[in-house]
C-alpha atoms as a PDB file:
ATOM      1  CA  MET A   1       7.886  19.677 -12.350  1.00  0.00           C
ATOM      2  CA  ALA A   2       6.774  20.086  -8.731  1.00  0.00           C
ATOM      3  CA  HIS A   3       3.508  21.921  -8.046  1.00  0.00           C
ATOM      4  CA  TYR A   4       2.999  23.573  -4.636  1.00  0.00           C
ATOM      5  CA  ILE A   5      -0.566  23.771  -3.327  1.00  0.00           C
ATOM      6  CA  ASP A   6      -2.145  24.897  -0.047  1.00  0.00           C
ATOM      7  CA  ARG A   7      -4.789  22.238   0.580  1.00  0.00           C
ATOM      8  CA  PHE A   8      -5.290  18.484   0.171  1.00  0.00           C
ATOM      9  CA  PRO A   9      -5.258  17.415  -3.510  1.00  0.00           C
ATOM     10  CA  GLY A  10      -8.653  15.772  -3.759  1.00  0.00           C
ATOM     11  CA  ARG A  11     -10.679  15.417  -6.928  1.00  0.00           C
ATOM     12  CA  GLU A  12      -9.606  18.892  -8.036  1.00  0.00           C
ATOM     13  CA  LEU A  13      -6.634  21.121  -7.287  1.00  0.00           C
ATOM     14  CA  THR A  14      -5.700  24.704  -8.085  1.00  0.00           C
ATOM     15  CA  ILE A  15      -2.251  25.690  -9.369  1.00  0.00           C
ATOM     16  CA  ASN A  16      -1.418  29.357  -9.981  1.00  0.00           C
ATOM     17  CA  GLY A  17      -5.093  30.190 -10.171  1.00  0.00           C
ATOM     18  CA  SER A  18      -5.949  27.441 -12.679  1.00  0.00           C
ATOM     19  CA  LYS A  19      -8.122  24.451 -11.792  1.00  0.00           C
ATOM     20  CA  TYR A  20      -7.178  20.905 -12.731  1.00  0.00           C
ATOM     21  CA  VAL A  21      -8.825  17.515 -12.262  1.00  0.00           C
ATOM     22  CA  TYR A  22      -6.398  15.368 -10.294  1.00  0.00           C
ATOM     23  CA  PHE A  23      -5.801  11.779 -11.386  1.00  0.00           C
ATOM     24  CA  GLY A  24      -2.826  11.057  -9.165  1.00  0.00           C
ATOM     25  CA  GLY A  25      -1.799  10.339  -5.587  1.00  0.00           C
ATOM     26  CA  THR A  26      -2.863   7.427  -3.402  1.00  0.00           C
ATOM     27  CA  SER A  27      -6.271   8.508  -2.115  1.00  0.00           C
ATOM     28  CA  TYR A  28      -7.825   5.479  -3.782  1.00  0.00           C
ATOM     29  CA  LEU A  29     -11.174   5.689  -1.981  1.00  0.00           C
ATOM     30  CA  GLY A  30     -11.283   9.498  -1.881  1.00  0.00           C
ATOM     31  CA  LEU A  31     -11.850   9.468   1.860  1.00  0.00           C
ATOM     32  CA  GLN A  32      -9.591  12.317   2.917  1.00  0.00           C
ATOM     33  CA  THR A  33     -12.035  14.901   1.558  1.00  0.00           C
ATOM     34  CA  ASP A  34     -15.246  12.927   2.112  1.00  0.00           C
ATOM     35  CA  LYS A  35     -17.474  14.863   4.538  1.00  0.00           C
ATOM     36  CA  GLU A  36     -19.131  11.790   6.044  1.00  0.00           C
ATOM     37  CA  TYR A  37     -15.730  10.259   6.757  1.00  0.00           C
ATOM     38  CA  GLN A  38     -14.332  13.555   8.062  1.00  0.00           C
ATOM     39  CA  ASP A  39     -17.251  13.847  10.471  1.00  0.00           C
ATOM     40  CA  LEU A  40     -16.445  10.395  11.889  1.00  0.00           C
ATOM     41  CA  TYR A  41     -12.826  11.399  12.313  1.00  0.00           C
ATOM     42  CA  ILE A  42     -13.681  14.722  13.986  1.00  0.00           C
ATOM     43  CA  ASP A  43     -16.035  12.976  16.432  1.00  0.00           C
ATOM     44  CA  ASN A  44     -13.278  10.528  17.331  1.00  0.00           C
ATOM     45  CA  ILE A  45     -10.738  13.327  17.843  1.00  0.00           C
ATOM     46  CA  ARG A  46     -13.124  14.821  20.404  1.00  0.00           C
ATOM     47  CA  LYS A  47     -13.324  11.438  22.137  1.00  0.00           C
ATOM     48  CA  TYR A  48      -9.671  10.346  21.953  1.00  0.00           C
ATOM     49  CA  GLY A  49      -7.745  13.601  21.492  1.00  0.00           C
ATOM     50  CA  THR A  50      -5.418  14.584  18.665  1.00  0.00           C
ATOM     51  CA  ASN A  51      -2.575  12.239  19.621  1.00  0.00           C
ATOM     52  CA  TYR A  52      -1.549   9.614  22.177  1.00  0.00           C
ATOM     53  CA  GLY A  53       2.125   9.618  23.070  1.00  0.00           C
ATOM     54  CA  ALA A  54       2.126   6.843  25.666  1.00  0.00           C
ATOM     55  CA  SER A  55       3.624   3.373  25.148  1.00  0.00           C
ATOM     56  CA  ARG A  56       1.323   0.473  24.325  1.00  0.00           C
ATOM     57  CA  LYS A  57       2.971  -1.194  27.360  1.00  0.00           C
ATOM     58  CA  SER A  58       1.732   1.536  29.702  1.00  0.00           C
ATOM     59  CA  ASN A  59      -0.297   0.601  32.773  1.00  0.00           C
ATOM     60  CA  VAL A  60      -3.175   2.688  31.340  1.00  0.00           C
ATOM     61  CA  ARG A  61      -4.272   1.294  27.980  1.00  0.00           C
ATOM     62  CA  LEU A  62      -6.915   2.137  25.395  1.00  0.00           C
ATOM     63  CA  SER A  63      -9.039  -0.779  24.207  1.00  0.00           C
ATOM     64  CA  VAL A  64      -9.377   0.687  20.696  1.00  0.00           C
ATOM     65  CA  TYR A  65      -5.961  -0.745  19.747  1.00  0.00           C
ATOM     66  CA  GLU A  66      -6.850  -4.377  20.430  1.00  0.00           C
ATOM     67  CA  GLU A  67     -10.300  -3.904  18.878  1.00  0.00           C
ATOM     68  CA  THR A  68      -8.773  -2.509  15.681  1.00  0.00           C
ATOM     69  CA  GLU A  69      -6.136  -5.230  15.463  1.00  0.00           C
ATOM     70  CA  SER A  70      -8.761  -7.915  15.932  1.00  0.00           C
ATOM     71  CA  LEU A  71     -10.900  -6.537  13.091  1.00  0.00           C
ATOM     72  CA  LEU A  72      -7.887  -5.998  10.823  1.00  0.00           C
ATOM     73  CA  SER A  73      -6.672  -9.581  11.244  1.00  0.00           C
ATOM     74  CA  LYS A  74     -10.201 -10.866  10.582  1.00  0.00           C
ATOM     75  CA  ILE A  75     -10.474  -8.849   7.360  1.00  0.00           C
ATOM     76  CA  VAL A  76      -6.980  -9.729   6.127  1.00  0.00           C
ATOM     77  CA  GLY A  77      -7.106 -13.406   7.119  1.00  0.00           C
ATOM     78  CA  SER A  78      -4.135 -13.530   9.483  1.00  0.00           C
ATOM     79  CA  GLU A  79      -4.043 -15.005  12.966  1.00  0.00           C
ATOM     80  CA  ALA A  80      -3.057 -11.695  14.541  1.00  0.00           C
ATOM     81  CA  ALA A  81      -2.088  -8.084  13.822  1.00  0.00           C
ATOM     82  CA  LEU A  82      -0.261  -5.122  15.328  1.00  0.00           C
ATOM     83  CA  THR A  83      -0.747  -1.433  14.559  1.00  0.00           C
ATOM     84  CA  LEU A  84       1.967   1.220  14.498  1.00  0.00           C
ATOM     85  CA  SER A  85       2.091   4.941  13.807  1.00  0.00           C
ATOM     86  CA  SER A  86       2.954   4.647  10.090  1.00  0.00           C
ATOM     87  CA  GLY A  87       3.446   2.200   7.267  1.00  0.00           C
ATOM     88  CA  TYR A  88       7.113   3.109   6.954  1.00  0.00           C
ATOM     89  CA  LEU A  89       7.648   2.341  10.641  1.00  0.00           C
ATOM     90  CA  ALA A  90       5.842  -0.974  10.191  1.00  0.00           C
ATOM     91  CA  GLY A  91       8.245  -1.872   7.381  1.00  0.00           C
ATOM     92  CA  GLN A  92      11.305  -0.884   9.399  1.00  0.00           C
ATOM     93  CA  PHE A  93       9.934  -2.797  12.373  1.00  0.00           C
ATOM     94  CA  ILE A  94       9.978  -6.022  10.351  1.00  0.00           C
ATOM     95  CA  ALA A  95      13.218  -5.266   8.515  1.00  0.00           C
ATOM     96  CA  GLN A  96      15.118  -4.672  11.736  1.00  0.00           C
ATOM     97  CA  ASN A  97      13.591  -7.731  13.350  1.00  0.00           C
ATOM     98  CA  PHE A  98      15.218  -9.927  10.676  1.00  0.00           C
ATOM     99  CA  ASN A  99      18.513  -8.041  10.573  1.00  0.00           C
ATOM    100  CA  LYS A 100      20.152 -10.817  12.588  1.00  0.00           C
ATOM    101  CA  PRO A 101      22.842 -13.437  11.904  1.00  0.00           C
ATOM    102  CA  GLN A 102      20.303 -16.290  11.765  1.00  0.00           C
ATOM    103  CA  TYR A 103      18.637 -14.853   8.646  1.00  0.00           C
ATOM    104  CA  ARG A 104      19.764 -14.268   5.053  1.00  0.00           C
ATOM    105  CA  LEU A 105      17.878 -11.399   3.427  1.00  0.00           C
ATOM    106  CA  PHE A 106      16.784 -11.255  -0.225  1.00  0.00           C
ATOM    107  CA  TYR A 107      15.031  -8.321  -1.888  1.00  0.00           C
ATOM    108  CA  ALA A 108      12.765  -8.643  -4.919  1.00  0.00           C
ATOM    109  CA  PRO A 109      12.873  -6.010  -7.693  1.00  0.00           C
ATOM    110  CA  ASN A 110      11.015  -2.786  -6.821  1.00  0.00           C
ATOM    111  CA  THR A 111      10.923  -3.493  -3.080  1.00  0.00           C
ATOM    112  CA  HIS A 112      10.067  -0.328  -1.140  1.00  0.00           C
ATOM    113  CA  SER A 113      12.808   1.286   0.926  1.00  0.00           C
ATOM    114  CA  ALA A 114      10.658   0.862   4.056  1.00  0.00           C
ATOM    115  CA  LEU A 115      11.846  -2.756   4.103  1.00  0.00           C
ATOM    116  CA  TYR A 116      15.556  -2.015   3.692  1.00  0.00           C
ATOM    117  CA  ASN A 117      18.237  -2.592   6.292  1.00  0.00           C
ATOM    118  CA  ASN A 118      21.097  -0.143   5.882  1.00  0.00           C
ATOM    119  CA  TYR A 119      22.015  -0.249   2.168  1.00  0.00           C
ATOM    120  CA  ASN A 120      20.201  -3.307   0.884  1.00  0.00           C
ATOM    121  CA  LYS A 121      19.760  -3.422  -2.866  1.00  0.00           C
ATOM    122  CA  PRO A 122      16.960  -5.321  -4.622  1.00  0.00           C
ATOM    123  CA  TYR A 123      17.836  -7.802  -7.355  1.00  0.00           C
ATOM    124  CA  ALA A 124      17.634  -6.340 -10.836  1.00  0.00           C
ATOM    125  CA  ASP A 125      15.205  -8.992 -12.091  1.00  0.00           C
ATOM    126  CA  PHE A 126      13.247 -11.964 -10.803  1.00  0.00           C
ATOM    127  CA  GLN A 127      15.297 -14.572 -12.654  1.00  0.00           C
ATOM    128  CA  THR A 128      18.470 -13.470 -10.877  1.00  0.00           C
ATOM    129  CA  LEU A 129      16.584 -13.425  -7.589  1.00  0.00           C
ATOM    130  CA  HIS A 130      15.232 -16.943  -8.183  1.00  0.00           C
ATOM    131  CA  ASN A 131      18.672 -18.275  -9.013  1.00  0.00           C
ATOM    132  CA  ALA A 132      20.164 -16.720  -5.882  1.00  0.00           C
ATOM    133  CA  ILE A 133      17.476 -18.089  -3.542  1.00  0.00           C
ATOM    134  CA  LYS A 134      17.534 -21.563  -5.056  1.00  0.00           C
ATOM    135  CA  ALA A 135      21.334 -21.720  -4.888  1.00  0.00           C
ATOM    136  CA  TYR A 136      21.242 -20.584  -1.278  1.00  0.00           C
ATOM    137  CA  VAL A 137      18.595 -23.139  -0.277  1.00  0.00           C
ATOM    138  CA  ASN A 138      20.495 -25.939  -2.034  1.00  0.00           C
ATOM    139  CA  LYS A 139      23.580 -25.189   0.071  1.00  0.00           C
ATOM    140  CA  LYS A 140      21.570 -26.212   3.159  1.00  0.00           C
ATOM    141  CA  GLU A 141      22.781 -23.266   5.177  1.00  0.00           C
ATOM    142  CA  LYS A 142      21.628 -22.987   8.781  1.00  0.00           C
ATOM    143  CA  THR A 143      20.438 -19.415   8.309  1.00  0.00           C
ATOM    144  CA  ILE A 144      16.859 -18.952   7.107  1.00  0.00           C
ATOM    145  CA  PRO A 145      16.223 -17.074   3.831  1.00  0.00           C
ATOM    146  CA  VAL A 146      13.832 -14.124   4.111  1.00  0.00           C
ATOM    147  CA  LEU A 147      12.352 -12.666   0.932  1.00  0.00           C
ATOM    148  CA  PHE A 148      11.130  -9.047   0.988  1.00  0.00           C
ATOM    149  CA  LEU A 149       8.814  -7.762  -1.733  1.00  0.00           C
ATOM    150  CA  ASP A 150       6.116  -5.238  -2.563  1.00  0.00           C
ATOM    151  CA  SER A 151       2.786  -6.922  -3.266  1.00  0.00           C
ATOM    152  CA  ILE A 152       1.781  -4.158  -5.703  1.00  0.00           C
ATOM    153  CA  ASP A 153       4.989  -3.490  -7.628  1.00  0.00           C
ATOM    154  CA  PHE A 154       3.275  -1.655 -10.534  1.00  0.00           C
ATOM    155  CA  ASN A 155       4.989  -4.013 -12.970  1.00  0.00           C
ATOM    156  CA  GLY A 156       2.630  -6.980 -12.606  1.00  0.00           C
ATOM    157  CA  GLN A 157       5.337  -9.352 -11.350  1.00  0.00           C
ATOM    158  CA  ASN A 158       3.614  -9.942  -8.012  1.00  0.00           C
ATOM    159  CA  TYR A 159      -0.066  -9.013  -7.626  1.00  0.00           C
ATOM    160  CA  PRO A 160      -2.498 -10.350  -8.727  1.00  0.00           C
ATOM    161  CA  ASP A 161      -1.161 -13.854  -9.437  1.00  0.00           C
ATOM    162  CA  PHE A 162       2.295 -13.865  -7.793  1.00  0.00           C
ATOM    163  CA  LYS A 163       3.572 -16.122 -10.565  1.00  0.00           C
ATOM    164  CA  ALA A 164       7.132 -15.097  -9.750  1.00  0.00           C
ATOM    165  CA  LEU A 165       6.849 -16.787  -6.350  1.00  0.00           C
ATOM    166  CA  GLU A 166       5.468 -20.113  -7.533  1.00  0.00           C
ATOM    167  CA  SER A 167       8.794 -21.504  -8.764  1.00  0.00           C
ATOM    168  CA  LEU A 168      10.586 -20.766  -5.497  1.00  0.00           C
ATOM    169  CA  PRO A 169      11.089 -23.302  -2.665  1.00  0.00           C
ATOM    170  CA  LEU A 170       8.731 -21.252  -0.504  1.00  0.00           C
ATOM    171  CA  ASP A 171       8.415 -23.956   2.141  1.00  0.00           C
ATOM    172  CA  GLU A 172      11.952 -22.951   3.164  1.00  0.00           C
ATOM    173  CA  VAL A 173      11.525 -19.187   2.794  1.00  0.00           C
ATOM    174  CA  ILE A 174       9.992 -16.565   5.089  1.00  0.00           C
ATOM    175  CA  VAL A 175       8.083 -14.086   2.904  1.00  0.00           C
ATOM    176  CA  VAL A 176       7.667 -10.460   3.989  1.00  0.00           C
ATOM    177  CA  ALA A 177       5.292  -8.458   1.771  1.00  0.00           C
ATOM    178  CA  ASP A 178       4.532  -4.740   1.874  1.00  0.00           C
ATOM    179  CA  ASP A 179       0.848  -4.424   0.948  1.00  0.00           C
ATOM    180  CA  SER A 180       0.478  -0.661   1.334  1.00  0.00           C
ATOM    181  CA  HIS A 181      -1.117  -0.228  -2.116  1.00  0.00           C
ATOM    182  CA  GLY A 182      -3.352  -3.284  -1.750  1.00  0.00           C
ATOM    183  CA  ILE A 183      -4.863  -3.221   1.729  1.00  0.00           C
ATOM    184  CA  GLY A 184      -8.324  -1.651   1.708  1.00  0.00           C
ATOM    185  CA  ILE A 185      -8.439  -1.735  -2.108  1.00  0.00           C
ATOM    186  CA  VAL A 186      -7.954  -5.178  -3.640  1.00  0.00           C
ATOM    187  CA  GLY A 187      -9.878  -8.344  -2.836  1.00  0.00           C
ATOM    188  CA  ASN A 188     -13.559  -8.890  -2.215  1.00  0.00           C
ATOM    189  CA  ASN A 189     -13.543  -6.862   0.987  1.00  0.00           C
ATOM    190  CA  GLY A 190     -10.351  -4.854   0.686  1.00  0.00           C
ATOM    191  CA  GLU A 191      -8.450  -7.620   2.450  1.00  0.00           C
ATOM    192  CA  GLY A 192      -5.327  -7.223   0.349  1.00  0.00           C
ATOM    193  CA  VAL A 193      -3.002 -10.088  -0.547  1.00  0.00           C
ATOM    194  CA  TYR A 194      -2.432 -12.035   2.667  1.00  0.00           C
ATOM    195  CA  ARG A 195      -4.682 -14.980   1.789  1.00  0.00           C
ATOM    196  CA  THR A 196      -3.348 -15.099  -1.791  1.00  0.00           C
ATOM    197  CA  ILE A 197       0.289 -15.412  -0.719  1.00  0.00           C
ATOM    198  CA  GLN A 198      -0.565 -17.708   2.180  1.00  0.00           C
ATOM    199  CA  ALA A 199      -2.114 -20.135  -0.333  1.00  0.00           C
ATOM    200  CA  LEU A 200       1.380 -20.556  -1.836  1.00  0.00           C
ATOM    201  CA  LYS A 201       2.440 -22.074   1.523  1.00  0.00           C
ATOM    202  CA  PRO A 202       5.595 -20.189   2.446  1.00  0.00           C
ATOM    203  CA  LYS A 203       7.547 -21.224   5.537  1.00  0.00           C
ATOM    204  CA  GLU A 204       6.066 -18.129   7.169  1.00  0.00           C
ATOM    205  CA  LEU A 205       4.232 -15.062   5.879  1.00  0.00           C
ATOM    206  CA  ILE A 206       4.401 -11.565   7.344  1.00  0.00           C
ATOM    207  CA  VAL A 207       2.564  -8.682   5.698  1.00  0.00           C
ATOM    208  CA  CYS A 208       3.096  -5.040   6.626  1.00  0.00           C
ATOM    209  CA  CYS A 209       1.419  -1.952   5.239  1.00  0.00           C
ATOM    210  CA  SER A 210       0.379   1.642   5.520  1.00  0.00           C
ATOM    211  CA  LEU A 211      -3.271   2.200   6.395  1.00  0.00           C
ATOM    212  CA  GLY A 212      -3.101   5.686   4.912  1.00  0.00           C
ATOM    213  CA  LYS A 213      -3.732   4.798   1.278  1.00  0.00           C
ATOM    214  CA  GLY A 214      -6.711   2.460   1.426  1.00  0.00           C
ATOM    215  CA  PHE A 215      -8.222   3.572   4.736  1.00  0.00           C
ATOM    216  CA  ALA A 216      -7.062   7.215   4.887  1.00  0.00           C
ATOM    217  CA  ILE A 217      -5.764   7.057   8.461  1.00  0.00           C
ATOM    218  CA  GLN A 218      -2.260   7.809   9.698  1.00  0.00           C
ATOM    219  CA  ALA A 219      -1.225   4.340  10.833  1.00  0.00           C
ATOM    220  CA  GLY A 220       0.601   1.185   9.805  1.00  0.00           C
ATOM    221  CA  ALA A 221       0.010  -2.494  10.496  1.00  0.00           C
ATOM    222  CA  VAL A 222       1.756  -5.870  10.590  1.00  0.00           C
ATOM    223  CA  PHE A 223       0.006  -9.213  10.035  1.00  0.00           C
ATOM    224  CA  GLY A 224       1.191 -12.728  10.820  1.00  0.00           C
ATOM    225  CA  THR A 225       0.896 -15.720  13.107  1.00  0.00           C
ATOM    226  CA  LYS A 226       0.016 -15.322  16.774  1.00  0.00           C
ATOM    227  CA  GLU A 227       3.510 -16.476  17.655  1.00  0.00           C
ATOM    228  CA  ARG A 228       5.227 -13.905  15.409  1.00  0.00           C
ATOM    229  CA  ILE A 229       2.967 -11.030  16.444  1.00  0.00           C
ATOM    230  CA  GLY A 230       3.509 -11.963  20.083  1.00  0.00           C
ATOM    231  CA  GLN A 231       7.287 -11.917  19.577  1.00  0.00           C
ATOM    232  CA  LEU A 232       7.140  -8.534  17.837  1.00  0.00           C
ATOM    233  CA  SER A 233       4.890  -6.973  20.475  1.00  0.00           C
ATOM    234  CA  ASN A 234       7.420  -7.870  23.179  1.00  0.00           C
ATOM    235  CA  THR A 235      10.309  -5.991  21.539  1.00  0.00           C
ATOM    236  CA  ALA A 236      11.738  -2.703  22.782  1.00  0.00           C
ATOM    237  CA  PHE A 237      11.095  -1.304  19.280  1.00  0.00           C
ATOM    238  CA  PHE A 238       7.343  -1.744  19.733  1.00  0.00           C
ATOM    239  CA  GLY A 239       7.176  -0.819  23.396  1.00  0.00           C
ATOM    240  CA  GLY A 240       9.272   2.306  22.933  1.00  0.00           C
ATOM    241  CA  ALA A 241       7.370   3.715  19.960  1.00  0.00           C
ATOM    242  CA  SER A 242       4.321   5.942  20.265  1.00  0.00           C
ATOM    243  CA  PRO A 243       1.309   4.193  18.740  1.00  0.00           C
ATOM    244  CA  ALA A 244      -1.033   5.344  16.016  1.00  0.00           C
ATOM    245  CA  ALA A 245      -3.450   8.051  17.120  1.00  0.00           C
ATOM    246  CA  PRO A 246      -6.450   6.291  18.700  1.00  0.00           C
ATOM    247  CA  SER A 247      -8.825   8.676  16.901  1.00  0.00           C
ATOM    248  CA  SER A 248      -7.553   7.271  13.603  1.00  0.00           C
ATOM    249  CA  LEU A 249      -8.091   3.665  14.645  1.00  0.00           C
ATOM    250  CA  ALA A 250     -11.551   4.420  16.024  1.00  0.00           C
ATOM    251  CA  THR A 251     -12.417   5.973  12.660  1.00  0.00           C
ATOM    252  CA  PHE A 252     -11.301   2.752  10.975  1.00  0.00           C
ATOM    253  CA  LEU A 253     -13.661   0.786  13.242  1.00  0.00           C
ATOM    254  CA  ASP A 254     -16.552   3.165  12.570  1.00  0.00           C
ATOM    255  CA  GLY A 255     -15.920   3.521   8.841  1.00  0.00           C
ATOM    256  CA  GLN A 256     -16.574  -0.008   7.566  1.00  0.00           C
ATOM    257  CA  THR A 257     -19.846   0.853   5.804  1.00  0.00           C
ATOM    258  CA  ILE A 258     -18.227   3.848   4.127  1.00  0.00           C
ATOM    259  CA  TYR A 259     -15.281   1.724   2.962  1.00  0.00           C
ATOM    260  CA  SER A 260     -17.621  -0.786   1.341  1.00  0.00           C
ATOM    261  CA  LYS A 261     -19.586   1.927  -0.432  1.00  0.00           C
ATOM    262  CA  LYS A 262     -16.429   3.615  -1.694  1.00  0.00           C
ATOM    263  CA  ARG A 263     -14.918   0.357  -2.985  1.00  0.00           C
ATOM    264  CA  ILE A 264     -18.046  -0.275  -5.052  1.00  0.00           C
ATOM    265  CA  GLN A 265     -17.736   3.214  -6.552  1.00  0.00           C
ATOM    266  CA  LEU A 266     -14.051   2.663  -7.303  1.00  0.00           C
ATOM    267  CA  LEU A 267     -14.785  -0.602  -9.117  1.00  0.00           C
ATOM    268  CA  GLN A 268     -17.437   1.162 -11.192  1.00  0.00           C
ATOM    269  CA  ASN A 269     -15.003   3.936 -12.086  1.00  0.00           C
ATOM    270  CA  MET A 270     -12.341   1.428 -13.123  1.00  0.00           C
ATOM    271  CA  ALA A 271     -14.797  -0.477 -15.300  1.00  0.00           C
ATOM    272  CA  TYR A 272     -15.960   2.730 -16.970  1.00  0.00           C
ATOM    273  CA  PHE A 273     -12.408   3.902 -17.661  1.00  0.00           C
ATOM    274  CA  GLU A 274     -11.316   0.566 -19.115  1.00  0.00           C
ATOM    275  CA  LYS A 275     -14.417   0.418 -21.299  1.00  0.00           C
ATOM    276  CA  SER A 276     -13.956   3.985 -22.528  1.00  0.00           C
ATOM    277  CA  ILE A 277     -10.261   3.825 -23.451  1.00  0.00           C
ATOM    278  CA  THR A 278      -9.778   2.646 -27.037  1.00  0.00           C
ATOM    279  CA  ASP A 279      -6.452   0.899 -26.314  1.00  0.00           C
ATOM    280  CA  ILE A 280      -6.174  -0.152 -22.668  1.00  0.00           C
ATOM    281  CA  ASP A 281      -2.973  -2.061 -23.496  1.00  0.00           C
ATOM    282  CA  PHE A 282      -1.252   1.297 -23.892  1.00  0.00           C
ATOM    283  CA  PHE A 283      -1.082   1.287 -20.095  1.00  0.00           C
ATOM    284  CA  GLY A 284       0.686  -0.996 -17.688  1.00  0.00           C
ATOM    285  CA  HIS A 285      -2.162  -2.232 -15.503  1.00  0.00           C
ATOM    286  CA  MET A 286      -2.815  -4.804 -12.803  1.00  0.00           C
ATOM    287  CA  LYS A 287      -6.308  -6.276 -12.817  1.00  0.00           C
ATOM    288  CA  GLY A 288      -8.352  -4.957  -9.928  1.00  0.00           C
ATOM    289  CA  HIS A 289      -6.059  -2.030  -9.127  1.00  0.00           C
ATOM    290  CA  PRO A 290      -6.946   1.596 -10.002  1.00  0.00           C
ATOM    291  CA  THR A 291      -3.568   2.638 -11.429  1.00  0.00           C
ATOM    292  CA  TYR A 292      -2.564   2.860 -15.086  1.00  0.00           C
ATOM    293  CA  SER A 293       1.138   3.406 -15.795  1.00  0.00           C
ATOM    294  CA  PHE A 294       2.801   4.573 -19.000  1.00  0.00           C
ATOM    295  CA  ASN A 295       6.220   5.564 -20.337  1.00  0.00           C
ATOM    296  CA  THR A 296       5.300   8.397 -22.694  1.00  0.00           C
ATOM    297  CA  PRO A 297       6.320  11.794 -21.235  1.00  0.00           C
ATOM    298  CA  GLU A 298       4.437  13.626 -23.965  1.00  0.00           C
ATOM    299  CA  LEU A 299       1.140  12.308 -22.593  1.00  0.00           C
ATOM    300  CA  THR A 300       1.823  13.885 -19.202  1.00  0.00           C
ATOM    301  CA  ASP A 301       2.428  17.304 -20.775  1.00  0.00           C
ATOM    302  CA  TYR A 302      -0.550  16.901 -23.093  1.00  0.00           C
ATOM    303  CA  LEU A 303      -2.891  16.098 -20.211  1.00  0.00           C
ATOM    304  CA  GLU A 304      -1.679  18.999 -18.095  1.00  0.00           C
ATOM    305  CA  LYS A 305      -2.270  21.429 -20.962  1.00  0.00           C
ATOM    306  CA  ASN A 306      -5.826  20.085 -21.144  1.00  0.00           C
ATOM    307  CA  GLY A 307      -6.599  20.431 -17.440  1.00  0.00           C
ATOM    308  CA  TYR A 308      -5.367  17.197 -15.832  1.00  0.00           C
ATOM    309  CA  ILE A 309      -2.606  16.537 -13.312  1.00  0.00           C
ATOM    310  CA  ILE A 310      -1.422  12.951 -12.866  1.00  0.00           C
ATOM    311  CA  THR A 311       1.285  11.235 -10.809  1.00  0.00           C
ATOM    312  CA  ASN A 312       4.596  12.067 -12.481  1.00  0.00           C
ATOM    313  CA  PHE A 313       7.887  12.266 -10.572  1.00  0.00           C
ATOM    314  CA  ASN A 314      11.150  10.433  -9.909  1.00  0.00           C
ATOM    315  CA  TYR A 315      10.494   7.753  -7.302  1.00  0.00           C
ATOM    316  CA  PRO A 316      11.701   6.812  -4.758  1.00  0.00           C
ATOM    317  CA  ALA A 317      14.845   8.963  -5.254  1.00  0.00           C
ATOM    318  CA  GLU A 318      15.793  11.792  -7.603  1.00  0.00           C
ATOM    319  CA  SER A 319      18.072   9.350  -9.416  1.00  0.00           C
ATOM    320  CA  SER A 320      15.192   6.904 -10.003  1.00  0.00           C
ATOM    321  CA  SER A 321      13.224   6.694 -13.234  1.00  0.00           C
ATOM    322  CA  VAL A 322      10.129   8.835 -13.698  1.00  0.00           C
ATOM    323  CA  MET A 323       6.941   7.231 -12.412  1.00  0.00           C
ATOM    324  CA  SER A 324       3.984   8.245 -14.595  1.00  0.00           C
ATOM    325  CA  ARG A 325       0.543   6.897 -13.873  1.00  0.00           C
ATOM    326  CA  ILE A 326      -3.117   7.765 -13.982  1.00  0.00           C
ATOM    327  CA  VAL A 327      -4.794   6.998 -10.667  1.00  0.00           C
ATOM    328  CA  LEU A 328      -8.551   6.563 -10.395  1.00  0.00           C
ATOM    329  CA  SER A 329     -10.346   7.275  -7.146  1.00  0.00           C
ATOM    330  CA  SER A 330     -13.842   6.868  -5.768  1.00  0.00           C
ATOM    331  CA  HIS A 331     -14.254  10.643  -5.760  1.00  0.00           C
ATOM    332  CA  HIS A 332     -14.029  10.890  -9.548  1.00  0.00           C
ATOM    333  CA  THR A 333     -17.315  11.309 -11.373  1.00  0.00           C
ATOM    334  CA  GLN A 334     -18.303   9.523 -14.560  1.00  0.00           C
ATOM    335  CA  GLU A 335     -18.036  12.870 -16.332  1.00  0.00           C
ATOM    336  CA  ASP A 336     -14.437  13.271 -15.088  1.00  0.00           C
ATOM    337  CA  ILE A 337     -13.503   9.892 -16.530  1.00  0.00           C
ATOM    338  CA  GLN A 338     -15.426  10.430 -19.748  1.00  0.00           C
ATOM    339  CA  ASP A 339     -13.652  13.735 -20.405  1.00  0.00           C
ATOM    340  CA  LEU A 340     -10.251  12.237 -19.513  1.00  0.00           C
ATOM    341  CA  CYS A 341     -10.757   9.404 -21.995  1.00  0.00           C
ATOM    342  CA  ARG A 342     -11.971  11.842 -24.639  1.00  0.00           C
ATOM    343  CA  HIS A 343      -8.584  13.557 -24.409  1.00  0.00           C
ATOM    344  CA  ILE A 344      -6.465  10.398 -24.139  1.00  0.00           C
ATOM    345  CA  ASN A 345      -7.991   8.404 -27.017  1.00  0.00           C
ATOM    346  CA  PRO A 346      -6.831  10.679 -29.887  1.00  0.00           C
ATOM    347  CA  PHE A 347      -3.343  10.762 -28.342  1.00  0.00           C
ATOM    348  CA  ILE A 348      -2.844   7.003 -28.118  1.00  0.00           C
END
């Protein structure tokens, strides 16, 4: 059931006059409603304006873009980075770049539609995908295989260990990973998965992502080698698109201390939740990520009747299966989590 509200769904939301604690969404660090973070953003809007519609190839350029990309690549561990106006655009940027005769595209299960070209369909399971890639590589075709996947697939097939990739001939495969649910959240410094996948030594690694989930800014990014990022930055796709708002990127630069503080709080909340739940195995969970999935519709209804709204809808299309998950955020208090667990434990 869809609920319509008139303000950002932070720690709490109001539906038809009733208040609920919200354990859903993707505001993992709770930054969108954090006053300190909002003040940074407002100051940067006054400096850079509300939007910037000029091309990055313009003869007048703002230095905040290169500064942000330099810091992002340093955090993530890539040679270079590019920013765009959204994570979906970043995915389409890469997908269209490889939609050429010299590449053969493969899609892992649960790959986000941001990485699709036309009507691509992911493989139903990893075994079928593995068989297809290995058979293709063994044929010694001239075209290069490109594997698209979501780093956080909410089924544990990829992050945190990427075991499904280890049996592939990765030295002959370009890997493109969407890390929208990992960047800013997972890793020692919110660096995401770039270094983890790079350690598996693929032929080439490109990571794209939204910066809206982990860093709460309206922007996307692409990470890769200097050569690849240079090639991408010289395309008409990049030059013709309006960039991310510079006020957002400046807030990213200014917000590093806040990000660190919020990640520590999120880790504490996760530890408290996992300690307080009597049967954590009831949930599908990836170590180090603040989401807890389940397949019991009755729990969703039970929680709503007791004052909690969680993520629960058909995703990514109406024909898709229902996605039900509890999402922890840095803005949740220990009391919020304690009360949530007090209601969940008798149910499970």
